Amino acid sequence: MRVRLIAGVVAVAALLALPVSASGHAERATAFGALMDLADFNGVTGSGYVATKNLHGMGFTERAVAGTGLAQINSDLAFWGQTAYQGTWSGFRIVDISEPDNPQTVNDYNDCAHPSGQGDVVVWGDVLVRTWDANTNSAGFTCGGEPVPIGFEGLHFFDVSNPHEPVLKGSLNLQCGSHTATGVPDVDNGRLVVYSTPSSGNCPASTS
């Protein structure tokens, strides 16, 4: 499994390094590639942003969320095989990247409503781990169809073997929640170790 993961990462890196594909989606990909090359990214000036010169956009898929607000904010990315997982502040998105110039959204999962915050994701096989770093200070919030207890901050664990219907398998409450998580497979013992970093520097990091 470790070889498969490494091979998948190398394949994604190789695809990103290729020139824009000359396909029916070339116009969108070219526009996206041009945006990536802008030193003044998205019109933000004075931010010290430096464009990456050796990556070229091949395609993109929009995330259209009804309304406005924090639910529309995207977070980090994880990859497994030919699938990309994008964390969001309201859940996560599963994207088929088997055709890099024409990625397709398989599921925009939005059942981890604000105030969950960051929504960083870790993926290993059929397991997706999602961070929750904003204290749930009132009732009525859910994640994976389950009520989120008042005061919860931490990690949620999903089975994504069926990308169209992710299933929440459990959660772990952590002091100060989880802002960023890193997965380290322990293949010899058949487990995935998750290192979690909270939002506040006043809180200890955690291993799950």
N, C-alpha and C. Protein backbone atom coordinates (compact mmCIF):
# COMPACT_ATOMS: atom_id res chain seq x y z
N MET A 1 0.82 -1.19 0.00
CA MET A 1 0.00 0.00 0.00
C MET A 1 0.86 1.25 0.00
N ARG A 2 2.01 1.17 0.69
CA ARG A 2 2.91 2.31 0.74
C ARG A 2 3.42 2.65 -0.66
N VAL A 3 3.75 1.58 -1.45
CA VAL A 3 4.25 1.80 -2.81
C VAL A 3 3.18 2.44 -3.66
N ARG A 4 1.92 2.00 -3.46
CA ARG A 4 0.81 2.56 -4.22
C ARG A 4 0.66 4.04 -3.94
N LEU A 5 0.74 4.43 -2.68
CA LEU A 5 0.60 5.83 -2.31
C LEU A 5 1.70 6.67 -2.92
N ILE A 6 2.96 6.19 -2.81
CA ILE A 6 4.09 6.93 -3.36
C ILE A 6 3.94 7.07 -4.86
N ALA A 7 3.52 5.97 -5.52
CA ALA A 7 3.34 6.01 -6.96
C ALA A 7 2.28 7.03 -7.35
N GLY A 8 1.19 7.08 -6.55
CA GLY A 8 0.13 8.04 -6.83
C GLY A 8 0.60 9.47 -6.70
N VAL A 9 1.39 9.76 -5.69
CA VAL A 9 1.92 11.11 -5.50
C VAL A 9 2.83 11.50 -6.65
N VAL A 10 3.71 10.56 -7.04
CA VAL A 10 4.62 10.83 -8.15
C VAL A 10 3.85 11.08 -9.43
N ALA A 11 2.78 10.29 -9.65
CA ALA A 11 1.98 10.46 -10.86
C ALA A 11 1.33 11.83 -10.90
N VAL A 12 0.77 12.27 -9.77
CA VAL A 12 0.13 13.59 -9.71
C VAL A 12 1.15 14.69 -9.96
N ALA A 13 2.33 14.56 -9.35
CA ALA A 13 3.38 15.56 -9.56
C ALA A 13 3.79 15.63 -11.02
N ALA A 14 3.88 14.46 -11.66
CA ALA A 14 4.26 14.43 -13.07
C ALA A 14 3.21 15.10 -13.93
N LEU A 15 1.94 14.85 -13.62
CA LEU A 15 0.87 15.45 -14.39
C LEU A 15 0.87 16.96 -14.27
N LEU A 16 1.12 17.46 -13.07
CA LEU A 16 1.14 18.91 -12.86
C LEU A 16 2.27 19.58 -13.61
N ALA A 17 3.35 18.83 -13.84
CA ALA A 17 4.51 19.42 -14.49
C ALA A 17 4.39 19.46 -16.00
N LEU A 18 3.37 18.76 -16.55
CA LEU A 18 3.21 18.71 -18.00
C LEU A 18 2.60 20.00 -18.53
N PRO A 19 2.83 20.31 -19.83
CA PRO A 19 2.19 21.49 -20.42
C PRO A 19 0.68 21.30 -20.47
N VAL A 20 -0.05 22.39 -20.71
CA VAL A 20 -1.49 22.32 -20.81
C VAL A 20 -1.91 21.42 -21.96
N SER A 21 -2.84 20.52 -21.71
CA SER A 21 -3.29 19.58 -22.72
C SER A 21 -4.09 20.28 -23.80
N ALA A 22 -3.87 19.87 -25.04
CA ALA A 22 -4.60 20.44 -26.17
C ALA A 22 -5.86 19.62 -26.38
N SER A 23 -6.88 19.88 -25.61
CA SER A 23 -8.13 19.14 -25.70
C SER A 23 -9.28 20.12 -25.76
N GLY A 24 -10.50 19.57 -25.70
CA GLY A 24 -11.67 20.42 -25.71
C GLY A 24 -11.74 21.34 -24.51
N HIS A 25 -10.94 21.04 -23.48
CA HIS A 25 -10.95 21.85 -22.27
C HIS A 25 -9.71 22.74 -22.19
N ALA A 26 -9.00 22.85 -23.29
CA ALA A 26 -7.74 23.59 -23.28
C ALA A 26 -7.93 25.05 -22.93
N GLU A 27 -9.05 25.64 -23.37
CA GLU A 27 -9.28 27.07 -23.11
C GLU A 27 -9.38 27.34 -21.62
N ARG A 28 -10.17 26.50 -20.91
CA ARG A 28 -10.28 26.68 -19.46
C ARG A 28 -8.96 26.43 -18.77
N ALA A 29 -8.26 25.36 -19.22
CA ALA A 29 -6.99 25.01 -18.59
C ALA A 29 -5.95 26.10 -18.81
N THR A 30 -5.96 26.69 -20.01
CA THR A 30 -5.00 27.75 -20.30
C THR A 30 -5.26 28.97 -19.42
N ALA A 31 -6.53 29.31 -19.24
CA ALA A 31 -6.87 30.44 -18.38
C ALA A 31 -6.44 30.16 -16.95
N PHE A 32 -6.66 28.93 -16.50
CA PHE A 32 -6.26 28.55 -15.15
C PHE A 32 -4.75 28.59 -15.01
N GLY A 33 -4.05 28.11 -16.04
CA GLY A 33 -2.58 28.13 -16.01
C GLY A 33 -2.04 29.54 -15.96
N ALA A 34 -2.68 30.43 -16.70
CA ALA A 34 -2.24 31.83 -16.70
C ALA A 34 -2.43 32.43 -15.31
N LEU A 35 -3.53 32.07 -14.65
CA LEU A 35 -3.76 32.58 -13.30
C LEU A 35 -2.68 32.10 -12.35
N MET A 36 -2.25 30.85 -12.49
CA MET A 36 -1.22 30.31 -11.62
C MET A 36 0.11 31.03 -11.80
N ASP A 37 0.34 31.55 -13.02
CA ASP A 37 1.61 32.19 -13.32
C ASP A 37 1.65 33.65 -12.88
N LEU A 38 0.53 34.20 -12.42
CA LEU A 38 0.49 35.60 -12.05
C LEU A 38 1.21 35.82 -10.72
N ALA A 39 2.15 36.76 -10.72
CA ALA A 39 2.83 37.10 -9.47
C ALA A 39 1.86 37.80 -8.53
N ASP A 40 0.94 38.57 -9.12
CA ASP A 40 -0.08 39.25 -8.35
C ASP A 40 -1.31 38.35 -8.34
N PHE A 41 -1.31 37.35 -7.48
CA PHE A 41 -2.33 36.31 -7.50
C PHE A 41 -3.68 36.84 -7.03
N ASN A 42 -4.69 36.69 -7.88
CA ASN A 42 -6.05 37.13 -7.55
C ASN A 42 -6.11 38.60 -7.15
N GLY A 43 -5.18 39.40 -7.66
CA GLY A 43 -5.24 40.83 -7.40
C GLY A 43 -4.76 41.23 -6.03
N VAL A 44 -4.17 40.32 -5.28
CA VAL A 44 -3.68 40.65 -3.94
C VAL A 44 -2.29 41.25 -4.09
N THR A 45 -2.15 42.51 -3.77
CA THR A 45 -0.87 43.18 -3.94
C THR A 45 -0.16 43.32 -2.60
N GLY A 46 1.15 43.37 -2.68
CA GLY A 46 1.94 43.60 -1.49
C GLY A 46 1.98 42.42 -0.53
N SER A 47 1.55 41.23 -1.00
CA SER A 47 1.49 40.07 -0.12
C SER A 47 2.77 39.25 -0.17
N GLY A 48 3.68 39.59 -1.08
CA GLY A 48 4.92 38.84 -1.20
C GLY A 48 4.73 37.50 -1.87
N TYR A 49 3.59 37.31 -2.54
CA TYR A 49 3.32 36.04 -3.23
C TYR A 49 4.29 35.85 -4.39
N VAL A 50 4.89 34.69 -4.46
CA VAL A 50 5.79 34.35 -5.56
C VAL A 50 5.19 33.20 -6.34
N ALA A 51 4.95 33.39 -7.62
CA ALA A 51 4.35 32.36 -8.45
C ALA A 51 5.31 31.20 -8.67
N THR A 52 4.76 30.00 -8.74
CA THR A 52 5.54 28.81 -9.04
C THR A 52 5.69 28.70 -10.55
N LYS A 53 6.92 28.71 -11.04
CA LYS A 53 7.15 28.77 -12.47
C LYS A 53 7.19 27.40 -13.14
N ASN A 54 7.34 26.33 -12.36
CA ASN A 54 7.49 25.02 -13.00
C ASN A 54 6.23 24.17 -12.90
N LEU A 55 5.09 24.79 -12.55
CA LEU A 55 3.81 24.10 -12.56
C LEU A 55 2.89 24.77 -13.56
N HIS A 56 2.15 23.97 -14.29
CA HIS A 56 1.27 24.49 -15.32
C HIS A 56 -0.12 23.90 -15.13
N GLY A 57 -1.12 24.76 -15.03
CA GLY A 57 -2.48 24.29 -14.85
C GLY A 57 -2.96 23.49 -16.03
N MET A 58 -3.64 22.38 -15.77
CA MET A 58 -4.17 21.52 -16.84
C MET A 58 -5.69 21.57 -16.88
N GLY A 59 -6.33 21.81 -15.77
CA GLY A 59 -7.78 21.83 -15.73
C GLY A 59 -8.26 22.21 -14.35
N PHE A 60 -9.54 22.45 -14.22
CA PHE A 60 -10.10 22.79 -12.92
C PHE A 60 -11.57 22.42 -12.90
N THR A 61 -12.11 22.31 -11.71
CA THR A 61 -13.54 22.09 -11.55
C THR A 61 -14.04 23.04 -10.48
N GLU A 62 -15.10 23.75 -10.79
CA GLU A 62 -15.60 24.77 -9.89
C GLU A 62 -16.36 24.14 -8.73
N ARG A 63 -16.33 24.82 -7.60
CA ARG A 63 -17.15 24.43 -6.45
C ARG A 63 -18.18 25.52 -6.24
N ALA A 64 -19.40 25.23 -6.63
CA ALA A 64 -20.48 26.21 -6.53
C ALA A 64 -21.31 25.92 -5.30
N VAL A 65 -21.22 26.77 -4.30
CA VAL A 65 -21.98 26.61 -3.07
C VAL A 65 -23.06 27.68 -3.01
N ALA A 66 -24.27 27.26 -2.72
CA ALA A 66 -25.38 28.22 -2.65
C ALA A 66 -25.12 29.25 -1.58
N GLY A 67 -25.48 30.49 -1.89
CA GLY A 67 -25.33 31.56 -0.92
C GLY A 67 -23.89 32.02 -0.80
N THR A 68 -23.62 32.70 0.29
CA THR A 68 -22.27 33.21 0.54
C THR A 68 -21.88 32.89 1.96
N GLY A 69 -20.62 33.17 2.28
CA GLY A 69 -20.19 33.01 3.66
C GLY A 69 -19.12 31.95 3.83
N LEU A 70 -18.93 31.55 5.08
CA LEU A 70 -17.82 30.67 5.43
C LEU A 70 -17.95 29.28 4.82
N ALA A 71 -19.17 28.84 4.52
CA ALA A 71 -19.36 27.51 3.94
C ALA A 71 -18.67 27.39 2.59
N GLN A 72 -18.38 28.51 1.95
CA GLN A 72 -17.76 28.48 0.63
C GLN A 72 -16.24 28.36 0.68
N ILE A 73 -15.65 28.47 1.86
CA ILE A 73 -14.19 28.50 1.96
C ILE A 73 -13.62 27.10 1.76
N ASN A 74 -12.59 27.00 0.93
CA ASN A 74 -11.90 25.73 0.68
C ASN A 74 -10.68 25.62 1.57
N SER A 75 -10.25 24.39 1.81
CA SER A 75 -9.09 24.13 2.66
C SER A 75 -8.03 23.38 1.86
N ASP A 76 -7.41 22.39 2.48
CA ASP A 76 -6.26 21.71 1.88
C ASP A 76 -6.68 20.53 1.01
N LEU A 77 -5.69 19.95 0.33
CA LEU A 77 -5.92 18.84 -0.59
C LEU A 77 -5.21 17.58 -0.14
N ALA A 78 -5.82 16.44 -0.46
CA ALA A 78 -5.18 15.14 -0.28
C ALA A 78 -5.45 14.33 -1.55
N PHE A 79 -4.57 13.39 -1.85
CA PHE A 79 -4.70 12.60 -3.06
C PHE A 79 -4.59 11.11 -2.74
N TRP A 80 -5.40 10.32 -3.45
CA TRP A 80 -5.27 8.87 -3.39
C TRP A 80 -5.61 8.33 -4.77
N GLY A 81 -4.62 7.71 -5.41
CA GLY A 81 -4.84 7.19 -6.76
C GLY A 81 -5.22 8.30 -7.72
N GLN A 82 -6.37 8.14 -8.36
CA GLN A 82 -6.83 9.13 -9.34
C GLN A 82 -7.96 10.00 -8.76
N THR A 83 -7.92 10.18 -7.46
CA THR A 83 -8.95 10.98 -6.79
C THR A 83 -8.29 12.04 -5.93
N ALA A 84 -8.83 13.25 -6.02
CA ALA A 84 -8.38 14.34 -5.16
C ALA A 84 -9.48 14.63 -4.14
N TYR A 85 -9.06 14.91 -2.91
CA TYR A 85 -9.99 15.24 -1.83
C TYR A 85 -9.67 16.66 -1.37
N GLN A 86 -10.66 17.53 -1.45
CA GLN A 86 -10.47 18.93 -1.06
C GLN A 86 -11.27 19.21 0.20
N GLY A 87 -10.57 19.55 1.27
CA GLY A 87 -11.27 19.94 2.48
C GLY A 87 -11.96 21.27 2.29
N THR A 88 -13.09 21.45 2.93
CA THR A 88 -13.81 22.72 2.92
C THR A 88 -14.28 23.02 4.34
N TRP A 89 -14.72 24.24 4.55
CA TRP A 89 -15.19 24.63 5.88
C TRP A 89 -16.54 24.01 6.20
N SER A 90 -17.18 23.39 5.22
CA SER A 90 -18.48 22.76 5.48
C SER A 90 -18.45 21.26 5.22
N GLY A 91 -17.29 20.72 4.89
CA GLY A 91 -17.20 19.29 4.62
C GLY A 91 -15.95 18.94 3.83
N PHE A 92 -16.15 18.34 2.68
CA PHE A 92 -15.04 18.02 1.79
C PHE A 92 -15.60 17.70 0.40
N ARG A 93 -14.73 17.81 -0.57
CA ARG A 93 -15.12 17.54 -1.95
C ARG A 93 -14.29 16.39 -2.48
N ILE A 94 -14.91 15.49 -3.24
CA ILE A 94 -14.23 14.36 -3.87
C ILE A 94 -14.23 14.61 -5.37
N VAL A 95 -13.03 14.62 -5.97
CA VAL A 95 -12.90 14.99 -7.38
C VAL A 95 -12.16 13.89 -8.14
N ASP A 96 -12.74 13.43 -9.23
CA ASP A 96 -12.11 12.46 -10.11
C ASP A 96 -11.10 13.19 -10.99
N ILE A 97 -9.81 12.85 -10.86
CA ILE A 97 -8.77 13.51 -11.65
C ILE A 97 -8.12 12.53 -12.63
N SER A 98 -8.87 11.49 -13.02
CA SER A 98 -8.32 10.53 -13.97
C SER A 98 -8.05 11.17 -15.33
N GLU A 99 -8.80 12.24 -15.65
CA GLU A 99 -8.51 13.05 -16.83
C GLU A 99 -8.09 14.42 -16.31
N PRO A 100 -6.80 14.67 -16.17
CA PRO A 100 -6.32 15.90 -15.53
C PRO A 100 -6.81 17.18 -16.19
N ASP A 101 -7.08 17.13 -17.50
CA ASP A 101 -7.54 18.34 -18.17
C ASP A 101 -9.05 18.52 -18.03
N ASN A 102 -9.72 17.55 -17.41
CA ASN A 102 -11.17 17.63 -17.26
C ASN A 102 -11.61 16.96 -15.96
N PRO A 103 -11.15 17.48 -14.81
CA PRO A 103 -11.53 16.87 -13.52
C PRO A 103 -13.03 17.01 -13.28
N GLN A 104 -13.60 16.00 -12.60
CA GLN A 104 -15.03 15.98 -12.38
C GLN A 104 -15.33 15.83 -10.89
N THR A 105 -16.21 16.69 -10.38
CA THR A 105 -16.62 16.57 -8.99
C THR A 105 -17.54 15.37 -8.83
N VAL A 106 -17.16 14.46 -7.96
CA VAL A 106 -17.97 13.29 -7.67
C VAL A 106 -18.95 13.60 -6.55
N ASN A 107 -18.50 14.33 -5.54
CA ASN A 107 -19.35 14.66 -4.40
C ASN A 107 -18.84 15.91 -3.72
N ASP A 108 -19.72 16.88 -3.55
CA ASP A 108 -19.41 18.06 -2.74
C ASP A 108 -20.18 17.88 -1.43
N TYR A 109 -19.52 17.28 -0.48
CA TYR A 109 -20.15 16.87 0.78
C TYR A 109 -20.15 18.04 1.75
N ASN A 110 -21.34 18.47 2.17
CA ASN A 110 -21.44 19.69 2.98
C ASN A 110 -22.15 19.47 4.31
N ASP A 111 -22.01 18.26 4.88
CA ASP A 111 -22.70 17.99 6.13
C ASP A 111 -21.78 18.07 7.34
N CYS A 112 -20.86 19.00 7.34
CA CYS A 112 -20.07 19.33 8.54
C CYS A 112 -20.08 20.84 8.65
N ALA A 113 -21.26 21.36 8.92
CA ALA A 113 -21.50 22.79 8.78
C ALA A 113 -20.66 23.63 9.71
N HIS A 114 -20.41 24.88 9.30
CA HIS A 114 -19.76 25.86 10.15
C HIS A 114 -20.46 25.86 11.50
N PRO A 115 -19.76 25.91 12.64
CA PRO A 115 -18.42 26.47 12.76
C PRO A 115 -17.28 25.45 12.78
N SER A 116 -17.30 24.45 11.92
CA SER A 116 -16.26 23.43 11.98
C SER A 116 -14.88 23.98 11.65
N GLY A 117 -14.83 25.05 10.85
CA GLY A 117 -13.53 25.65 10.56
C GLY A 117 -12.72 24.87 9.54
N GLN A 118 -11.43 24.85 9.73
CA GLN A 118 -10.43 24.47 8.74
C GLN A 118 -10.82 23.34 7.80
N GLY A 119 -11.18 22.18 8.32
CA GLY A 119 -11.58 21.09 7.44
C GLY A 119 -10.43 20.48 6.67
N ASP A 120 -9.23 20.47 7.23
CA ASP A 120 -8.09 19.80 6.61
C ASP A 120 -8.42 18.31 6.49
N VAL A 121 -7.93 17.65 5.43
CA VAL A 121 -8.25 16.24 5.22
C VAL A 121 -6.99 15.39 5.09
N VAL A 122 -7.08 14.17 5.60
CA VAL A 122 -6.06 13.14 5.43
C VAL A 122 -6.77 11.94 4.83
N VAL A 123 -6.17 11.33 3.82
CA VAL A 123 -6.79 10.17 3.17
C VAL A 123 -5.80 9.01 3.12
N TRP A 124 -6.30 7.83 3.47
CA TRP A 124 -5.52 6.59 3.32
C TRP A 124 -6.49 5.49 2.91
N GLY A 125 -6.41 5.06 1.66
CA GLY A 125 -7.35 4.07 1.16
C GLY A 125 -8.77 4.59 1.21
N ASP A 126 -9.63 3.90 1.94
CA ASP A 126 -11.04 4.30 2.04
C ASP A 126 -11.31 5.13 3.28
N VAL A 127 -10.26 5.54 3.98
CA VAL A 127 -10.43 6.32 5.21
C VAL A 127 -10.13 7.79 4.95
N LEU A 128 -11.05 8.65 5.34
CA LEU A 128 -10.82 10.09 5.27
C LEU A 128 -10.96 10.65 6.68
N VAL A 129 -9.96 11.41 7.11
CA VAL A 129 -9.98 12.06 8.41
C VAL A 129 -10.10 13.57 8.17
N ARG A 130 -11.04 14.19 8.86
CA ARG A 130 -11.29 15.62 8.67
C ARG A 130 -11.15 16.36 10.00
N THR A 131 -10.47 17.52 9.95
CA THR A 131 -10.25 18.31 11.16
C THR A 131 -11.43 19.24 11.44
N TRP A 132 -11.62 19.54 12.73
CA TRP A 132 -12.65 20.47 13.20
C TRP A 132 -12.00 21.32 14.29
N ASP A 133 -11.83 22.61 14.03
CA ASP A 133 -11.02 23.42 14.93
C ASP A 133 -11.73 24.63 15.51
N ALA A 134 -13.05 24.65 15.40
CA ALA A 134 -13.81 25.77 15.98
C ALA A 134 -14.76 25.22 17.02
N ASN A 135 -14.67 25.72 18.23
CA ASN A 135 -15.50 25.20 19.32
C ASN A 135 -16.98 25.29 19.00
N THR A 136 -17.65 24.16 19.17
CA THR A 136 -19.09 24.12 18.93
C THR A 136 -19.79 24.64 20.19
N ASN A 137 -20.12 25.93 20.18
CA ASN A 137 -20.64 26.56 21.40
C ASN A 137 -22.15 26.59 21.49
N SER A 138 -22.81 25.87 20.56
CA SER A 138 -24.26 25.80 20.63
C SER A 138 -24.72 24.49 19.99
N ALA A 139 -25.94 24.12 20.26
CA ALA A 139 -26.49 22.89 19.72
C ALA A 139 -26.99 23.10 18.29
N GLY A 140 -27.25 21.99 17.60
CA GLY A 140 -27.85 22.08 16.28
C GLY A 140 -26.90 21.81 15.14
N PHE A 141 -25.61 21.64 15.42
CA PHE A 141 -24.65 21.37 14.35
C PHE A 141 -24.50 19.86 14.16
N THR A 142 -24.26 19.47 12.92
CA THR A 142 -24.08 18.06 12.60
C THR A 142 -22.85 17.84 11.74
N CYS A 143 -22.38 16.62 11.74
CA CYS A 143 -21.33 16.20 10.80
C CYS A 143 -21.59 14.74 10.50
N GLY A 144 -21.70 14.42 9.23
CA GLY A 144 -22.00 13.05 8.85
C GLY A 144 -23.38 12.61 9.28
N GLY A 145 -24.28 13.55 9.46
CA GLY A 145 -25.63 13.21 9.87
C GLY A 145 -25.79 13.00 11.36
N GLU A 146 -24.69 13.16 12.12
CA GLU A 146 -24.73 12.96 13.56
C GLU A 146 -24.60 14.30 14.28
N PRO A 147 -25.32 14.48 15.39
CA PRO A 147 -25.18 15.72 16.16
C PRO A 147 -23.75 15.90 16.67
N VAL A 148 -23.27 17.13 16.62
CA VAL A 148 -21.95 17.44 17.17
C VAL A 148 -22.15 18.01 18.56
N PRO A 149 -21.58 17.38 19.59
CA PRO A 149 -21.81 17.85 20.97
C PRO A 149 -21.31 19.28 21.17
N ILE A 150 -21.98 19.99 22.05
CA ILE A 150 -21.53 21.32 22.41
C ILE A 150 -20.12 21.21 23.02
N GLY A 151 -19.23 22.07 22.56
CA GLY A 151 -17.86 22.06 23.04
C GLY A 151 -16.92 21.17 22.25
N PHE A 152 -17.45 20.48 21.22
CA PHE A 152 -16.59 19.57 20.46
C PHE A 152 -15.59 20.32 19.59
N GLU A 153 -14.36 19.83 19.57
CA GLU A 153 -13.34 20.20 18.60
C GLU A 153 -12.47 18.96 18.43
N GLY A 154 -12.09 18.64 17.22
CA GLY A 154 -11.25 17.46 17.06
C GLY A 154 -11.24 16.89 15.67
N LEU A 155 -11.47 15.58 15.56
CA LEU A 155 -11.37 14.87 14.28
C LEU A 155 -12.63 14.05 14.03
N HIS A 156 -13.01 13.97 12.75
CA HIS A 156 -14.07 13.07 12.31
C HIS A 156 -13.46 12.07 11.33
N PHE A 157 -13.95 10.83 11.39
CA PHE A 157 -13.42 9.75 10.56
C PHE A 157 -14.52 9.22 9.65
N PHE A 158 -14.24 9.24 8.34
CA PHE A 158 -15.23 8.83 7.34
C PHE A 158 -14.74 7.62 6.55
N ASP A 159 -15.70 6.77 6.17
CA ASP A 159 -15.48 5.72 5.18
C ASP A 159 -15.91 6.29 3.83
N VAL A 160 -14.97 6.43 2.90
CA VAL A 160 -15.28 7.01 1.59
C VAL A 160 -15.17 5.95 0.50
N SER A 161 -15.37 4.67 0.87
CA SER A 161 -15.29 3.60 -0.13
C SER A 161 -16.36 3.80 -1.21
N ASN A 162 -17.50 4.37 -0.84
CA ASN A 162 -18.49 4.81 -1.81
C ASN A 162 -18.44 6.33 -1.84
N PRO A 163 -17.75 6.91 -2.80
CA PRO A 163 -17.56 8.38 -2.79
C PRO A 163 -18.86 9.16 -2.90
N HIS A 164 -19.92 8.50 -3.38
CA HIS A 164 -21.20 9.19 -3.49
C HIS A 164 -21.92 9.25 -2.15
N GLU A 165 -21.55 8.38 -1.21
CA GLU A 165 -22.21 8.36 0.09
C GLU A 165 -21.18 8.11 1.20
N PRO A 166 -20.37 9.10 1.53
CA PRO A 166 -19.43 8.95 2.65
C PRO A 166 -20.18 8.63 3.94
N VAL A 167 -19.57 7.80 4.77
CA VAL A 167 -20.22 7.39 6.02
C VAL A 167 -19.32 7.77 7.20
N LEU A 168 -19.88 8.54 8.13
CA LEU A 168 -19.15 8.88 9.34
C LEU A 168 -19.01 7.64 10.21
N LYS A 169 -17.78 7.30 10.59
CA LYS A 169 -17.54 6.11 11.40
C LYS A 169 -17.20 6.43 12.85
N GLY A 170 -16.80 7.67 13.12
CA GLY A 170 -16.47 8.02 14.48
C GLY A 170 -15.89 9.42 14.58
N SER A 171 -15.65 9.87 15.80
CA SER A 171 -15.07 11.19 16.03
C SER A 171 -14.19 11.13 17.27
N LEU A 172 -13.30 12.10 17.39
CA LEU A 172 -12.40 12.16 18.53
C LEU A 172 -12.28 13.60 18.98
N ASN A 173 -12.71 13.88 20.21
CA ASN A 173 -12.62 15.22 20.76
C ASN A 173 -11.20 15.48 21.23
N LEU A 174 -10.62 16.61 20.85
CA LEU A 174 -9.25 16.95 21.21
C LEU A 174 -9.20 18.32 21.86
N GLN A 175 -8.32 18.49 22.80
CA GLN A 175 -8.14 19.80 23.43
C GLN A 175 -7.73 20.81 22.37
N CYS A 176 -8.47 21.89 22.27
CA CYS A 176 -8.21 22.96 21.30
C CYS A 176 -8.47 22.54 19.85
N GLY A 177 -9.07 21.38 19.65
CA GLY A 177 -9.44 20.97 18.31
C GLY A 177 -8.28 20.58 17.44
N SER A 178 -8.55 20.50 16.14
CA SER A 178 -7.53 20.11 15.16
C SER A 178 -7.60 21.04 13.96
N HIS A 179 -6.52 21.75 13.72
CA HIS A 179 -6.46 22.66 12.57
C HIS A 179 -5.84 21.97 11.37
N THR A 180 -4.69 21.34 11.57
CA THR A 180 -3.97 20.66 10.49
C THR A 180 -3.61 19.26 10.95
N ALA A 181 -3.79 18.30 10.07
CA ALA A 181 -3.49 16.91 10.41
C ALA A 181 -2.60 16.29 9.34
N THR A 182 -1.75 15.38 9.77
CA THR A 182 -0.86 14.64 8.86
C THR A 182 -0.99 13.16 9.16
N GLY A 183 -1.19 12.37 8.12
CA GLY A 183 -1.34 10.93 8.29
C GLY A 183 -0.04 10.20 7.99
N VAL A 184 0.32 9.27 8.86
CA VAL A 184 1.52 8.44 8.67
C VAL A 184 1.09 6.98 8.77
N PRO A 185 1.10 6.24 7.67
CA PRO A 185 0.67 4.84 7.71
C PRO A 185 1.65 3.95 8.47
N ASP A 186 1.12 3.17 9.39
CA ASP A 186 1.88 2.17 10.11
C ASP A 186 1.45 0.82 9.56
N VAL A 187 1.99 0.47 8.40
CA VAL A 187 1.54 -0.72 7.66
C VAL A 187 1.78 -1.99 8.47
N ASP A 188 2.89 -2.08 9.16
CA ASP A 188 3.22 -3.30 9.91
C ASP A 188 2.15 -3.63 10.96
N ASN A 189 1.54 -2.59 11.49
CA ASN A 189 0.52 -2.79 12.53
C ASN A 189 -0.89 -2.55 12.02
N GLY A 190 -1.03 -2.37 10.70
CA GLY A 190 -2.35 -2.22 10.10
C GLY A 190 -3.12 -1.02 10.58
N ARG A 191 -2.45 0.12 10.73
CA ARG A 191 -3.14 1.30 11.24
C ARG A 191 -2.61 2.56 10.58
N LEU A 192 -3.40 3.61 10.66
CA LEU A 192 -3.01 4.94 10.20
C LEU A 192 -2.83 5.83 11.42
N VAL A 193 -1.65 6.38 11.59
CA VAL A 193 -1.39 7.29 12.71
C VAL A 193 -1.59 8.72 12.21
N VAL A 194 -2.40 9.50 12.93
CA VAL A 194 -2.69 10.87 12.55
C VAL A 194 -2.09 11.82 13.57
N TYR A 195 -1.23 12.71 13.09
CA TYR A 195 -0.65 13.76 13.93
C TYR A 195 -1.48 15.02 13.74
N SER A 196 -1.98 15.56 14.83
CA SER A 196 -2.89 16.69 14.77
C SER A 196 -2.29 17.91 15.45
N THR A 197 -2.42 19.05 14.78
CA THR A 197 -1.95 20.32 15.33
C THR A 197 -3.14 21.23 15.59
N PRO A 198 -3.27 21.77 16.80
CA PRO A 198 -4.40 22.66 17.11
C PRO A 198 -4.19 24.05 16.53
N SER A 199 -5.21 24.88 16.65
CA SER A 199 -5.12 26.25 16.14
C SER A 199 -4.28 27.14 17.04
N SER A 200 -4.29 26.86 18.33
CA SER A 200 -3.61 27.72 19.28
C SER A 200 -2.25 27.16 19.66
N GLY A 201 -1.24 28.03 19.68
CA GLY A 201 0.10 27.63 20.11
C GLY A 201 0.16 27.34 21.59
N ASN A 202 -0.90 27.67 22.32
CA ASN A 202 -0.95 27.40 23.75
C ASN A 202 -1.39 25.98 24.07
N CYS A 203 -1.73 25.22 23.03
CA CYS A 203 -2.23 23.86 23.24
C CYS A 203 -1.26 22.84 22.67
N PRO A 204 -1.22 21.65 23.28
CA PRO A 204 -0.30 20.62 22.80
C PRO A 204 -0.78 19.98 21.52
N ALA A 205 0.15 19.51 20.70
CA ALA A 205 -0.23 18.72 19.52
C ALA A 205 -0.66 17.34 19.98
N SER A 206 -1.36 16.61 19.11
CA SER A 206 -1.90 15.31 19.49
C SER A 206 -1.57 14.26 18.45
N THR A 207 -1.52 13.02 18.90
CA THR A 207 -1.35 11.87 18.02
C THR A 207 -2.54 10.96 18.20
N SER A 208 -3.18 10.56 17.10
CA SER A 208 -4.39 9.73 17.20
C SER A 208 -4.18 8.42 16.48
